[in-house]
Amino acid sequence: MESLKNNVMAILLLLSVTLASAQIKNAKSETVKIYGNCGMCKKTIEKAAMINGVATANWNVDSKMATLTFDTTKTNQNEILKRIAAAGYQSEGHLASDVAYSQLPKCCQYEKPSIK
């Protein structure tokens, strides 16, 4: 049953990336790690990245990996990750402020990785 669930999730991820790419001109997709814990994190991360017709994100709760798809003439990965960090979620090179992190629901307060 778990295998079926994982296969369905993989297919949905692939379809969502394909559909997002079809709607975004000059589309480029990149995969990045973004820290979070749960389905609420997924909604917030994806909402923070979303710009209609310009950028989307699909974040996987289990792997903590997000596929960012964006119009390269209108934005870039750095700008998307800044918006996600402003929502409280950190990625490599883009730290969430203590204020944004503290405003996350308790279930969404992930263990912050140590930064070297």
PDB file of N, CA and C in Angstrom:
ATOM      1  N   MET A   1       0.817  -1.188   0.000  1.00  0.00           N
ATOM      2  CA  MET A   1       0.000   0.000   0.000  1.00  0.00           C
ATOM      3  C   MET A   1       0.868   1.262   0.000  1.00  0.00           C
ATOM      4  N   GLU A   2       1.945   1.242   0.793  1.00  0.00           N
ATOM      5  CA  GLU A   2       2.851   2.392   0.855  1.00  0.00           C
ATOM      6  C   GLU A   2       3.504   2.617  -0.511  1.00  0.00           C
ATOM      7  N   SER A   3       3.818   1.520  -1.197  1.00  0.00           N
ATOM      8  CA  SER A   3       4.428   1.623  -2.529  1.00  0.00           C
ATOM      9  C   SER A   3       3.465   2.297  -3.507  1.00  0.00           C
ATOM     10  N   LEU A   4       2.200   1.929  -3.435  1.00  0.00           N
ATOM     11  CA  LEU A   4       1.189   2.538  -4.301  1.00  0.00           C
ATOM     12  C   LEU A   4       1.073   4.031  -4.004  1.00  0.00           C
ATOM     13  N   LYS A   5       1.071   4.374  -2.721  1.00  0.00           N
ATOM     14  CA  LYS A   5       0.992   5.777  -2.323  1.00  0.00           C
ATOM     15  C   LYS A   5       2.187   6.554  -2.875  1.00  0.00           C
ATOM     16  N   ASN A   6       3.377   5.995  -2.758  1.00  0.00           N
ATOM     17  CA  ASN A   6       4.576   6.664  -3.265  1.00  0.00           C
ATOM     18  C   ASN A   6       4.528   6.819  -4.783  1.00  0.00           C
ATOM     19  N   ASN A   7       4.033   5.807  -5.482  1.00  0.00           N
ATOM     20  CA  ASN A   7       3.917   5.890  -6.945  1.00  0.00           C
ATOM     21  C   ASN A   7       2.925   6.967  -7.359  1.00  0.00           C
ATOM     22  N   VAL A   8       1.800   7.044  -6.661  1.00  0.00           N
ATOM     23  CA  VAL A   8       0.793   8.057  -6.966  1.00  0.00           C
ATOM     24  C   VAL A   8       1.375   9.450  -6.710  1.00  0.00           C
ATOM     25  N   MET A   9       2.089   9.612  -5.597  1.00  0.00           N
ATOM     26  CA  MET A   9       2.708  10.907  -5.281  1.00  0.00           C
ATOM     27  C   MET A   9       3.716  11.304  -6.357  1.00  0.00           C
ATOM     28  N   ALA A  10       4.518  10.355  -6.820  1.00  0.00           N
ATOM     29  CA  ALA A  10       5.514  10.635  -7.854  1.00  0.00           C
ATOM     30  C   ALA A  10       4.830  11.067  -9.152  1.00  0.00           C
ATOM     31  N   ILE A  11       3.749  10.399  -9.510  1.00  0.00           N
ATOM     32  CA  ILE A  11       3.016  10.744 -10.734  1.00  0.00           C
ATOM     33  C   ILE A  11       2.403  12.137 -10.606  1.00  0.00           C
ATOM     34  N   LEU A  12       1.807  12.424  -9.457  1.00  0.00           N
ATOM     35  CA  LEU A  12       1.219  13.749  -9.244  1.00  0.00           C
ATOM     36  C   LEU A  12       2.276  14.845  -9.296  1.00  0.00           C
ATOM     37  N   LEU A  13       3.434  14.592  -8.714  1.00  0.00           N
ATOM     38  CA  LEU A  13       4.524  15.567  -8.762  1.00  0.00           C
ATOM     39  C   LEU A  13       4.953  15.812 -10.200  1.00  0.00           C
ATOM     40  N   LEU A  14       5.118  14.753 -10.952  1.00  0.00           N
ATOM     41  CA  LEU A  14       5.522  14.876 -12.349  1.00  0.00           C
ATOM     42  C   LEU A  14       4.475  15.633 -13.157  1.00  0.00           C
ATOM     43  N   LEU A  15       3.209  15.324 -12.951  1.00  0.00           N
ATOM     44  CA  LEU A  15       2.138  16.022 -13.670  1.00  0.00           C
ATOM     45  C   LEU A  15       2.084  17.494 -13.300  1.00  0.00           C
ATOM     46  N   SER A  16       2.250  17.804 -12.013  1.00  0.00           N
ATOM     47  CA  SER A  16       2.170  19.203 -11.609  1.00  0.00           C
ATOM     48  C   SER A  16       3.323  20.009 -12.179  1.00  0.00           C
ATOM     49  N   VAL A  17       4.510  19.420 -12.238  1.00  0.00           N
ATOM     50  CA  VAL A  17       5.657  20.109 -12.834  1.00  0.00           C
ATOM     51  C   VAL A  17       5.428  20.301 -14.325  1.00  0.00           C
ATOM     52  N   THR A  18       4.891  19.288 -14.975  1.00  0.00           N
ATOM     53  CA  THR A  18       4.612  19.375 -16.405  1.00  0.00           C
ATOM     54  C   THR A  18       3.564  20.447 -16.681  1.00  0.00           C
ATOM     55  N   LEU A  19       2.492  20.460 -15.896  1.00  0.00           N
ATOM     56  CA  LEU A  19       1.442  21.468 -16.092  1.00  0.00           C
ATOM     57  C   LEU A  19       1.956  22.860 -15.792  1.00  0.00           C
ATOM     58  N   ALA A  20       2.748  23.000 -14.743  1.00  0.00           N
ATOM     59  CA  ALA A  20       3.301  24.319 -14.402  1.00  0.00           C
ATOM     60  C   ALA A  20       4.214  24.809 -15.510  1.00  0.00           C
ATOM     61  N   SER A  21       5.010  23.927 -16.063  1.00  0.00           N
ATOM     62  CA  SER A  21       5.913  24.305 -17.146  1.00  0.00           C
ATOM     63  C   SER A  21       5.137  24.720 -18.384  1.00  0.00           C
ATOM     64  N   ALA A  22       4.014  24.060 -18.625  1.00  0.00           N
ATOM     65  CA  ALA A  22       3.213  24.377 -19.801  1.00  0.00           C
ATOM     66  C   ALA A  22       2.589  25.767 -19.684  1.00  0.00           C
ATOM     67  N   GLN A  23       2.315  26.231 -18.477  1.00  0.00           N
ATOM     68  CA  GLN A  23       1.669  27.520 -18.274  1.00  0.00           C
ATOM     69  C   GLN A  23       2.662  28.658 -18.156  1.00  0.00           C
ATOM     70  N   ILE A  24       3.915  28.359 -17.881  1.00  0.00           N
ATOM     71  CA  ILE A  24       4.921  29.388 -17.660  1.00  0.00           C
ATOM     72  C   ILE A  24       5.829  29.467 -18.877  1.00  0.00           C
ATOM     73  N   LYS A  25       5.907  30.656 -19.476  1.00  0.00           N
ATOM     74  CA  LYS A  25       6.792  30.850 -20.621  1.00  0.00           C
ATOM     75  C   LYS A  25       8.229  30.897 -20.137  1.00  0.00           C
ATOM     76  N   ASN A  26       9.173  30.535 -21.000  1.00  0.00           N
ATOM     77  CA  ASN A  26      10.600  30.547 -20.676  1.00  0.00           C
ATOM     78  C   ASN A  26      10.871  29.778 -19.387  1.00  0.00           C
ATOM     79  N   ALA A  27      10.156  28.652 -19.197  1.00  0.00           N
ATOM     80  CA  ALA A  27      10.202  27.909 -17.944  1.00  0.00           C
ATOM     81  C   ALA A  27      11.531  27.199 -17.721  1.00  0.00           C
ATOM     82  N   LYS A  28      11.974  27.283 -16.491  1.00  0.00           N
ATOM     83  CA  LYS A  28      13.134  26.542 -16.023  1.00  0.00           C
ATOM     84  C   LYS A  28      12.732  25.923 -14.694  1.00  0.00           C
ATOM     85  N   SER A  29      13.133  24.683 -14.461  1.00  0.00           N
ATOM     86  CA  SER A  29      12.841  24.020 -13.193  1.00  0.00           C
ATOM     87  C   SER A  29      14.141  23.705 -12.482  1.00  0.00           C
ATOM     88  N   GLU A  30      14.144  23.958 -11.186  1.00  0.00           N
ATOM     89  CA  GLU A  30      15.295  23.653 -10.339  1.00  0.00           C
ATOM     90  C   GLU A  30      14.786  23.011  -9.060  1.00  0.00           C
ATOM     91  N   THR A  31      15.581  22.120  -8.497  1.00  0.00           N
ATOM     92  CA  THR A  31      15.208  21.436  -7.276  1.00  0.00           C
ATOM     93  C   THR A  31      16.100  21.906  -6.141  1.00  0.00           C
ATOM     94  N   VAL A  32      15.477  22.258  -5.019  1.00  0.00           N
ATOM     95  CA  VAL A  32      16.208  22.759  -3.853  1.00  0.00           C
ATOM     96  C   VAL A  32      15.619  22.167  -2.578  1.00  0.00           C
ATOM     97  N   LYS A  33      16.438  22.101  -1.533  1.00  0.00           N
ATOM     98  CA  LYS A  33      15.969  21.633  -0.229  1.00  0.00           C
ATOM     99  C   LYS A  33      15.444  22.832   0.547  1.00  0.00           C
ATOM    100  N   ILE A  34      14.234  22.668   1.095  1.00  0.00           N
ATOM    101  CA  ILE A  34      13.605  23.686   1.928  1.00  0.00           C
ATOM    102  C   ILE A  34      13.121  22.981   3.190  1.00  0.00           C
ATOM    103  N   TYR A  35      13.486  23.515   4.339  1.00  0.00           N
ATOM    104  CA  TYR A  35      13.148  22.878   5.603  1.00  0.00           C
ATOM    105  C   TYR A  35      11.714  23.153   6.007  1.00  0.00           C
ATOM    106  N   GLY A  36      11.029  22.119   6.490  1.00  0.00           N
ATOM    107  CA  GLY A  36       9.658  22.187   6.944  1.00  0.00           C
ATOM    108  C   GLY A  36       9.263  20.825   7.473  1.00  0.00           C
ATOM    109  N   ASN A  37       8.019  20.681   7.914  1.00  0.00           N
ATOM    110  CA  ASN A  37       7.599  19.439   8.566  1.00  0.00           C
ATOM    111  C   ASN A  37       6.359  18.762   8.007  1.00  0.00           C
ATOM    112  N   CYS A  38       5.375  19.534   7.568  1.00  0.00           N
ATOM    113  CA  CYS A  38       4.046  18.938   7.407  1.00  0.00           C
ATOM    114  C   CYS A  38       3.281  19.506   6.210  1.00  0.00           C
ATOM    115  N   GLY A  39       2.055  19.086   6.088  1.00  0.00           N
ATOM    116  CA  GLY A  39       1.198  19.561   5.006  1.00  0.00           C
ATOM    117  C   GLY A  39       0.923  21.054   5.067  1.00  0.00           C
ATOM    118  N   MET A  40       0.860  21.613   6.276  1.00  0.00           N
ATOM    119  CA  MET A  40       0.682  23.067   6.397  1.00  0.00           C
ATOM    120  C   MET A  40       1.912  23.781   5.855  1.00  0.00           C
ATOM    121  N   CYS A  41       3.089  23.215   6.118  1.00  0.00           N
ATOM    122  CA  CYS A  41       4.331  23.787   5.578  1.00  0.00           C
ATOM    123  C   CYS A  41       4.266  23.774   4.055  1.00  0.00           C
ATOM    124  N   LYS A  42       3.828  22.657   3.493  1.00  0.00           N
ATOM    125  CA  LYS A  42       3.738  22.517   2.034  1.00  0.00           C
ATOM    126  C   LYS A  42       2.890  23.647   1.446  1.00  0.00           C
ATOM    127  N   LYS A  43       1.714  23.880   2.041  1.00  0.00           N
ATOM    128  CA  LYS A  43       0.825  24.932   1.532  1.00  0.00           C
ATOM    129  C   LYS A  43       1.485  26.309   1.606  1.00  0.00           C
ATOM    130  N   THR A  44       2.135  26.585   2.724  1.00  0.00           N
ATOM    131  CA  THR A  44       2.749  27.899   2.912  1.00  0.00           C
ATOM    132  C   THR A  44       3.932  28.106   1.976  1.00  0.00           C
ATOM    133  N   ILE A  45       4.774  27.099   1.851  1.00  0.00           N
ATOM    134  CA  ILE A  45       5.942  27.179   0.965  1.00  0.00           C
ATOM    135  C   ILE A  45       5.487  27.403  -0.473  1.00  0.00           C
ATOM    136  N   GLU A  46       4.546  26.596  -0.927  1.00  0.00           N
ATOM    137  CA  GLU A  46       4.073  26.698  -2.310  1.00  0.00           C
ATOM    138  C   GLU A  46       3.367  28.029  -2.556  1.00  0.00           C
ATOM    139  N   LYS A  47       2.623  28.518  -1.577  1.00  0.00           N
ATOM    140  CA  LYS A  47       1.945  29.812  -1.719  1.00  0.00           C
ATOM    141  C   LYS A  47       2.967  30.952  -1.787  1.00  0.00           C
ATOM    142  N   ALA A  48       4.007  30.886  -0.969  1.00  0.00           N
ATOM    143  CA  ALA A  48       5.034  31.935  -0.958  1.00  0.00           C
ATOM    144  C   ALA A  48       5.774  31.999  -2.290  1.00  0.00           C
ATOM    145  N   ALA A  49       5.944  30.868  -2.946  1.00  0.00           N
ATOM    146  CA  ALA A  49       6.668  30.822  -4.217  1.00  0.00           C
ATOM    147  C   ALA A  49       5.804  31.223  -5.407  1.00  0.00           C
ATOM    148  N   MET A  50       4.500  31.112  -5.264  1.00  0.00           N
ATOM    149  CA  MET A  50       3.575  31.267  -6.388  1.00  0.00           C
ATOM    150  C   MET A  50       3.441  32.704  -6.885  1.00  0.00           C
ATOM    151  N   ILE A  51       3.655  32.866  -8.167  1.00  0.00           N
ATOM    152  CA  ILE A  51       3.318  34.092  -8.884  1.00  0.00           C
ATOM    153  C   ILE A  51       2.621  33.609 -10.155  1.00  0.00           C
ATOM    154  N   ASN A  52       1.350  33.909 -10.315  1.00  0.00           N
ATOM    155  CA  ASN A  52       0.583  33.392 -11.452  1.00  0.00           C
ATOM    156  C   ASN A  52       1.284  33.644 -12.783  1.00  0.00           C
ATOM    157  N   GLY A  53       1.492  32.556 -13.524  1.00  0.00           N
ATOM    158  CA  GLY A  53       2.111  32.643 -14.834  1.00  0.00           C
ATOM    159  C   GLY A  53       3.608  32.893 -14.811  1.00  0.00           C
ATOM    160  N   VAL A  54       4.202  33.015 -13.598  1.00  0.00           N
ATOM    161  CA  VAL A  54       5.630  33.321 -13.500  1.00  0.00           C
ATOM    162  C   VAL A  54       6.390  32.273 -12.696  1.00  0.00           C
ATOM    163  N   ALA A  55       5.849  31.817 -11.561  1.00  0.00           N
ATOM    164  CA  ALA A  55       6.581  30.889 -10.707  1.00  0.00           C
ATOM    165  C   ALA A  55       5.645  29.977  -9.926  1.00  0.00           C
ATOM    166  N   THR A  56       6.056  28.725  -9.765  1.00  0.00           N
ATOM    167  CA  THR A  56       5.353  27.765  -8.931  1.00  0.00           C
ATOM    168  C   THR A  56       6.391  26.939  -8.175  1.00  0.00           C
ATOM    169  N   ALA A  57       5.925  26.277  -7.133  1.00  0.00           N
ATOM    170  CA  ALA A  57       6.768  25.349  -6.387  1.00  0.00           C
ATOM    171  C   ALA A  57       5.941  24.134  -6.032  1.00  0.00           C
ATOM    172  N   ASN A  58       6.598  22.996  -5.972  1.00  0.00           N
ATOM    173  CA  ASN A  58       5.979  21.779  -5.493  1.00  0.00           C
ATOM    174  C   ASN A  58       6.942  21.190  -4.477  1.00  0.00           C
ATOM    175  N   TRP A  59       6.549  21.236  -3.180  1.00  0.00           N
ATOM    176  CA  TRP A  59       7.407  20.800  -2.090  1.00  0.00           C
ATOM    177  C   TRP A  59       6.981  19.435  -1.599  1.00  0.00           C
ATOM    178  N   ASN A  60       7.933  18.522  -1.422  1.00  0.00           N
ATOM    179  CA  ASN A  60       7.667  17.170  -0.948  1.00  0.00           C
ATOM    180  C   ASN A  60       7.938  17.103   0.553  1.00  0.00           C
ATOM    181  N   VAL A  61       6.921  16.758   1.326  1.00  0.00           N
ATOM    182  CA  VAL A  61       7.019  16.702   2.784  1.00  0.00           C
ATOM    183  C   VAL A  61       8.091  15.718   3.238  1.00  0.00           C
ATOM    184  N   ASP A  62       8.178  14.560   2.599  1.00  0.00           N
ATOM    185  CA  ASP A  62       9.112  13.516   3.030  1.00  0.00           C
ATOM    186  C   ASP A  62      10.564  13.848   2.713  1.00  0.00           C
ATOM    187  N   SER A  63      10.831  14.297   1.506  1.00  0.00           N
ATOM    188  CA  SER A  63      12.216  14.540   1.088  1.00  0.00           C
ATOM    189  C   SER A  63      12.700  15.954   1.419  1.00  0.00           C
ATOM    190  N   LYS A  64      11.755  16.858   1.697  1.00  0.00           N
ATOM    191  CA  LYS A  64      12.053  18.289   1.945  1.00  0.00           C
ATOM    192  C   LYS A  64      12.592  18.967   0.683  1.00  0.00           C
ATOM    193  N   MET A  65      12.382  18.376  -0.467  1.00  0.00           N
ATOM    194  CA  MET A  65      12.849  18.921  -1.738  1.00  0.00           C
ATOM    195  C   MET A  65      11.685  19.606  -2.453  1.00  0.00           C
ATOM    196  N   ALA A  66      11.996  20.757  -3.031  1.00  0.00           N
ATOM    197  CA  ALA A  66      10.994  21.512  -3.785  1.00  0.00           C
ATOM    198  C   ALA A  66      11.460  21.655  -5.223  1.00  0.00           C
ATOM    199  N   THR A  67      10.536  21.483  -6.131  1.00  0.00           N
ATOM    200  CA  THR A  67      10.807  21.771  -7.536  1.00  0.00           C
ATOM    201  C   THR A  67      10.232  23.150  -7.813  1.00  0.00           C
ATOM    202  N   LEU A  68      11.116  24.088  -8.124  1.00  0.00           N
ATOM    203  CA  LEU A  68      10.716  25.448  -8.462  1.00  0.00           C
ATOM    204  C   LEU A  68      10.682  25.567  -9.972  1.00  0.00           C
ATOM    205  N   THR A  69       9.588  26.043 -10.514  1.00  0.00           N
ATOM    206  CA  THR A  69       9.460  26.256 -11.952  1.00  0.00           C
ATOM    207  C   THR A  69       9.131  27.728 -12.141  1.00  0.00           C
ATOM    208  N   PHE A  70       9.905  28.403 -12.993  1.00  0.00           N
ATOM    209  CA  PHE A  70       9.743  29.848 -13.118  1.00  0.00           C
ATOM    210  C   PHE A  70      10.138  30.348 -14.497  1.00  0.00           C
ATOM    211  N   ASP A  71       9.599  31.511 -14.853  1.00  0.00           N
ATOM    212  CA  ASP A  71       9.924  32.207 -16.099  1.00  0.00           C
ATOM    213  C   ASP A  71      11.246  32.922 -15.881  1.00  0.00           C
ATOM    214  N   THR A  72      12.277  32.510 -16.588  1.00  0.00           N
ATOM    215  CA  THR A  72      13.624  33.048 -16.388  1.00  0.00           C
ATOM    216  C   THR A  72      13.755  34.515 -16.790  1.00  0.00           C
ATOM    217  N   THR A  73      12.784  35.027 -17.543  1.00  0.00           N
ATOM    218  CA  THR A  73      12.849  36.443 -17.926  1.00  0.00           C
ATOM    219  C   THR A  73      12.199  37.352 -16.879  1.00  0.00           C
ATOM    220  N   LYS A  74      11.491  36.744 -15.895  1.00  0.00           N
ATOM    221  CA  LYS A  74      10.761  37.547 -14.918  1.00  0.00           C
ATOM    222  C   LYS A  74      11.204  37.346 -13.468  1.00  0.00           C
ATOM    223  N   THR A  75      11.840  36.234 -13.162  1.00  0.00           N
ATOM    224  CA  THR A  75      12.304  35.975 -11.801  1.00  0.00           C
ATOM    225  C   THR A  75      13.418  34.942 -11.845  1.00  0.00           C
ATOM    226  N   ASN A  76      13.908  34.573 -10.676  1.00  0.00           N
ATOM    227  CA  ASN A  76      14.965  33.561 -10.600  1.00  0.00           C
ATOM    228  C   ASN A  76      14.836  32.802  -9.287  1.00  0.00           C
ATOM    229  N   GLN A  77      15.633  31.763  -9.148  1.00  0.00           N
ATOM    230  CA  GLN A  77      15.571  30.923  -7.956  1.00  0.00           C
ATOM    231  C   GLN A  77      15.832  31.743  -6.695  1.00  0.00           C
ATOM    232  N   ASN A  78      16.805  32.627  -6.727  1.00  0.00           N
ATOM    233  CA  ASN A  78      17.150  33.437  -5.568  1.00  0.00           C
ATOM    234  C   ASN A  78      15.951  34.249  -5.074  1.00  0.00           C
ATOM    235  N   GLU A  79      15.226  34.889  -5.972  1.00  0.00           N
ATOM    236  CA  GLU A  79      14.067  35.697  -5.584  1.00  0.00           C
ATOM    237  C   GLU A  79      12.950  34.837  -4.994  1.00  0.00           C
ATOM    238  N   ILE A  80      12.735  33.664  -5.558  1.00  0.00           N
ATOM    239  CA  ILE A  80      11.704  32.758  -5.037  1.00  0.00           C
ATOM    240  C   ILE A  80      12.079  32.299  -3.633  1.00  0.00           C
ATOM    241  N   LEU A  81      13.343  31.921  -3.431  1.00  0.00           N
ATOM    242  CA  LEU A  81      13.787  31.458  -2.120  1.00  0.00           C
ATOM    243  C   LEU A  81      13.754  32.574  -1.079  1.00  0.00           C
ATOM    244  N   LYS A  82      13.942  33.815  -1.491  1.00  0.00           N
ATOM    245  CA  LYS A  82      13.805  34.954  -0.568  1.00  0.00           C
ATOM    246  C   LYS A  82      12.356  35.059  -0.076  1.00  0.00           C
ATOM    247  N   ARG A  83      11.385  34.881  -0.983  1.00  0.00           N
ATOM    248  CA  ARG A  83       9.970  34.950  -0.597  1.00  0.00           C
ATOM    249  C   ARG A  83       9.616  33.807   0.363  1.00  0.00           C
ATOM    250  N   ILE A  84      10.167  32.623   0.085  1.00  0.00           N
ATOM    251  CA  ILE A  84       9.911  31.468   0.951  1.00  0.00           C
ATOM    252  C   ILE A  84      10.531  31.699   2.331  1.00  0.00           C
ATOM    253  N   ALA A  85      11.746  32.238   2.380  1.00  0.00           N
ATOM    254  CA  ALA A  85      12.403  32.545   3.659  1.00  0.00           C
ATOM    255  C   ALA A  85      11.607  33.595   4.438  1.00  0.00           C
ATOM    256  N   ALA A  86      11.038  34.575   3.737  1.00  0.00           N
ATOM    257  CA  ALA A  86      10.224  35.604   4.393  1.00  0.00           C
ATOM    258  C   ALA A  86       8.975  34.996   5.036  1.00  0.00           C
ATOM    259  N   ALA A  87       8.531  33.845   4.504  1.00  0.00           N
ATOM    260  CA  ALA A  87       7.381  33.144   5.068  1.00  0.00           C
ATOM    261  C   ALA A  87       7.784  32.256   6.247  1.00  0.00           C
ATOM    262  N   GLY A  88       9.100  32.151   6.520  1.00  0.00           N
ATOM    263  CA  GLY A  88       9.572  31.399   7.685  1.00  0.00           C
ATOM    264  C   GLY A  88      10.313  30.113   7.382  1.00  0.00           C
ATOM    265  N   TYR A  89      10.509  29.800   6.109  1.00  0.00           N
ATOM    266  CA  TYR A  89      11.118  28.526   5.735  1.00  0.00           C
ATOM    267  C   TYR A  89      12.491  28.734   5.111  1.00  0.00           C
ATOM    268  N   GLN A  90      13.458  28.055   5.668  1.00  0.00           N
ATOM    269  CA  GLN A  90      14.820  28.282   5.231  1.00  0.00           C
ATOM    270  C   GLN A  90      15.284  27.219   4.247  1.00  0.00           C
ATOM    271  N   SER A  91      16.191  27.660   3.379  1.00  0.00           N
ATOM    272  CA  SER A  91      16.862  26.783   2.430  1.00  0.00           C
ATOM    273  C   SER A  91      18.341  27.143   2.486  1.00  0.00           C
ATOM    274  N   GLU A  92      19.162  26.391   1.805  1.00  0.00           N
ATOM    275  CA  GLU A  92      20.591  26.688   1.827  1.00  0.00           C
ATOM    276  C   GLU A  92      20.830  28.091   1.267  1.00  0.00           C
ATOM    277  N   GLY A  93      21.463  28.932   2.049  1.00  0.00           N
ATOM    278  CA  GLY A  93      21.773  30.282   1.599  1.00  0.00           C
ATOM    279  C   GLY A  93      20.663  31.295   1.816  1.00  0.00           C
ATOM    280  N   HIS A  94      19.503  30.862   2.270  1.00  0.00           N
ATOM    281  CA  HIS A  94      18.367  31.766   2.495  1.00  0.00           C
ATOM    282  C   HIS A  94      17.766  31.451   3.865  1.00  0.00           C
ATOM    283  N   LEU A  95      18.213  32.182   4.876  1.00  0.00           N
ATOM    284  CA  LEU A  95      17.760  31.948   6.234  1.00  0.00           C
ATOM    285  C   LEU A  95      16.447  32.663   6.505  1.00  0.00           C
ATOM    286  N   ALA A  96      15.567  31.990   7.211  1.00  0.00           N
ATOM    287  CA  ALA A  96      14.330  32.614   7.660  1.00  0.00           C
ATOM    288  C   ALA A  96      14.662  33.466   8.878  1.00  0.00           C
ATOM    289  N   SER A  97      14.063  34.634   8.977  1.00  0.00           N
ATOM    290  CA  SER A  97      14.306  35.466  10.153  1.00  0.00           C
ATOM    291  C   SER A  97      13.704  34.779  11.383  1.00  0.00           C
ATOM    292  N   ASP A  98      14.234  35.112  12.555  1.00  0.00           N
ATOM    293  CA  ASP A  98      13.701  34.555  13.796  1.00  0.00           C
ATOM    294  C   ASP A  98      12.241  34.948  13.977  1.00  0.00           C
ATOM    295  N   VAL A  99      11.895  36.158  13.562  1.00  0.00           N
ATOM    296  CA  VAL A  99      10.513  36.629  13.687  1.00  0.00           C
ATOM    297  C   VAL A  99       9.585  35.796  12.797  1.00  0.00           C
ATOM    298  N   ALA A 100       9.945  35.604  11.525  1.00  0.00           N
ATOM    299  CA  ALA A 100       9.106  34.826  10.604  1.00  0.00           C
ATOM    300  C   ALA A 100       8.986  33.378  11.080  1.00  0.00           C
ATOM    301  N   TYR A 101      10.092  32.814  11.540  1.00  0.00           N
ATOM    302  CA  TYR A 101      10.088  31.432  12.034  1.00  0.00           C
ATOM    303  C   TYR A 101       9.189  31.309  13.259  1.00  0.00           C
ATOM    304  N   SER A 102       9.283  32.255  14.190  1.00  0.00           N
ATOM    305  CA  SER A 102       8.505  32.177  15.435  1.00  0.00           C
ATOM    306  C   SER A 102       7.007  32.321  15.189  1.00  0.00           C
ATOM    307  N   GLN A 103       6.622  32.892  14.057  1.00  0.00           N
ATOM    308  CA  GLN A 103       5.207  33.063  13.734  1.00  0.00           C
ATOM    309  C   GLN A 103       4.604  31.828  13.069  1.00  0.00           C
ATOM    310  N   LEU A 104       5.444  30.838  12.750  1.00  0.00           N
ATOM    311  CA  LEU A 104       4.920  29.599  12.180  1.00  0.00           C
ATOM    312  C   LEU A 104       4.157  28.828  13.248  1.00  0.00           C
ATOM    313  N   PRO A 105       3.119  28.075  12.869  1.00  0.00           N
ATOM    314  CA  PRO A 105       2.453  27.210  13.843  1.00  0.00           C
ATOM    315  C   PRO A 105       3.480  26.242  14.451  1.00  0.00           C
ATOM    316  N   LYS A 106       3.242  25.799  15.665  1.00  0.00           N
ATOM    317  CA  LYS A 106       4.194  24.913  16.368  1.00  0.00           C
ATOM    318  C   LYS A 106       4.550  23.679  15.542  1.00  0.00           C
ATOM    319  N   CYS A 107       3.558  23.106  14.845  1.00  0.00           N
ATOM    320  CA  CYS A 107       3.838  21.900  14.051  1.00  0.00           C
ATOM    321  C   CYS A 107       4.763  22.188  12.868  1.00  0.00           C
ATOM    322  N   CYS A 108       4.867  23.443  12.489  1.00  0.00           N
ATOM    323  CA  CYS A 108       5.680  23.838  11.338  1.00  0.00           C
ATOM    324  C   CYS A 108       7.080  24.315  11.736  1.00  0.00           C
ATOM    325  N   GLN A 109       7.349  24.407  13.031  1.00  0.00           N
ATOM    326  CA  GLN A 109       8.658  24.884  13.477  1.00  0.00           C
ATOM    327  C   GLN A 109       9.651  23.714  13.404  1.00  0.00           C
ATOM    328  N   TYR A 110      10.279  23.611  12.245  1.00  0.00           N
ATOM    329  CA  TYR A 110      11.250  22.572  11.925  1.00  0.00           C
ATOM    330  C   TYR A 110      12.537  22.786  12.714  1.00  0.00           C
ATOM    331  N   GLU A 111      13.335  21.725  12.803  1.00  0.00           N
ATOM    332  CA  GLU A 111      14.645  21.851  13.440  1.00  0.00           C
ATOM    333  C   GLU A 111      15.585  22.555  12.471  1.00  0.00           C
ATOM    334  N   LYS A 112      16.034  23.735  12.857  1.00  0.00           N
ATOM    335  CA  LYS A 112      16.903  24.513  11.987  1.00  0.00           C
ATOM    336  C   LYS A 112      18.263  23.833  11.890  1.00  0.00           C
ATOM    337  N   PRO A 113      18.765  23.667  10.670  1.00  0.00           N
ATOM    338  CA  PRO A 113      20.099  23.071  10.528  1.00  0.00           C
ATOM    339  C   PRO A 113      21.168  24.058  11.000  1.00  0.00           C
ATOM    340  N   SER A 114      22.279  23.531  11.483  1.00  0.00           N
ATOM    341  CA  SER A 114      23.365  24.433  11.892  1.00  0.00           C
ATOM    342  C   SER A 114      24.028  24.981  10.649  1.00  0.00           C
ATOM    343  N   ILE A 115      24.273  26.267  10.649  1.00  0.00           N
ATOM    344  CA  ILE A 115      24.899  26.949   9.511  1.00  0.00           C
ATOM    345  C   ILE A 115      26.366  27.154   9.825  1.00  0.00           C
ATOM    346  N   LYS A 116      27.203  26.730   8.904  1.00  0.00           N
ATOM    347  CA  LYS A 116      28.653  26.839   9.104  1.00  0.00           C
ATOM    348  C   LYS A 116      29.221  27.999   8.345  1.00  0.00           C
TER     349      LYS A 116
END
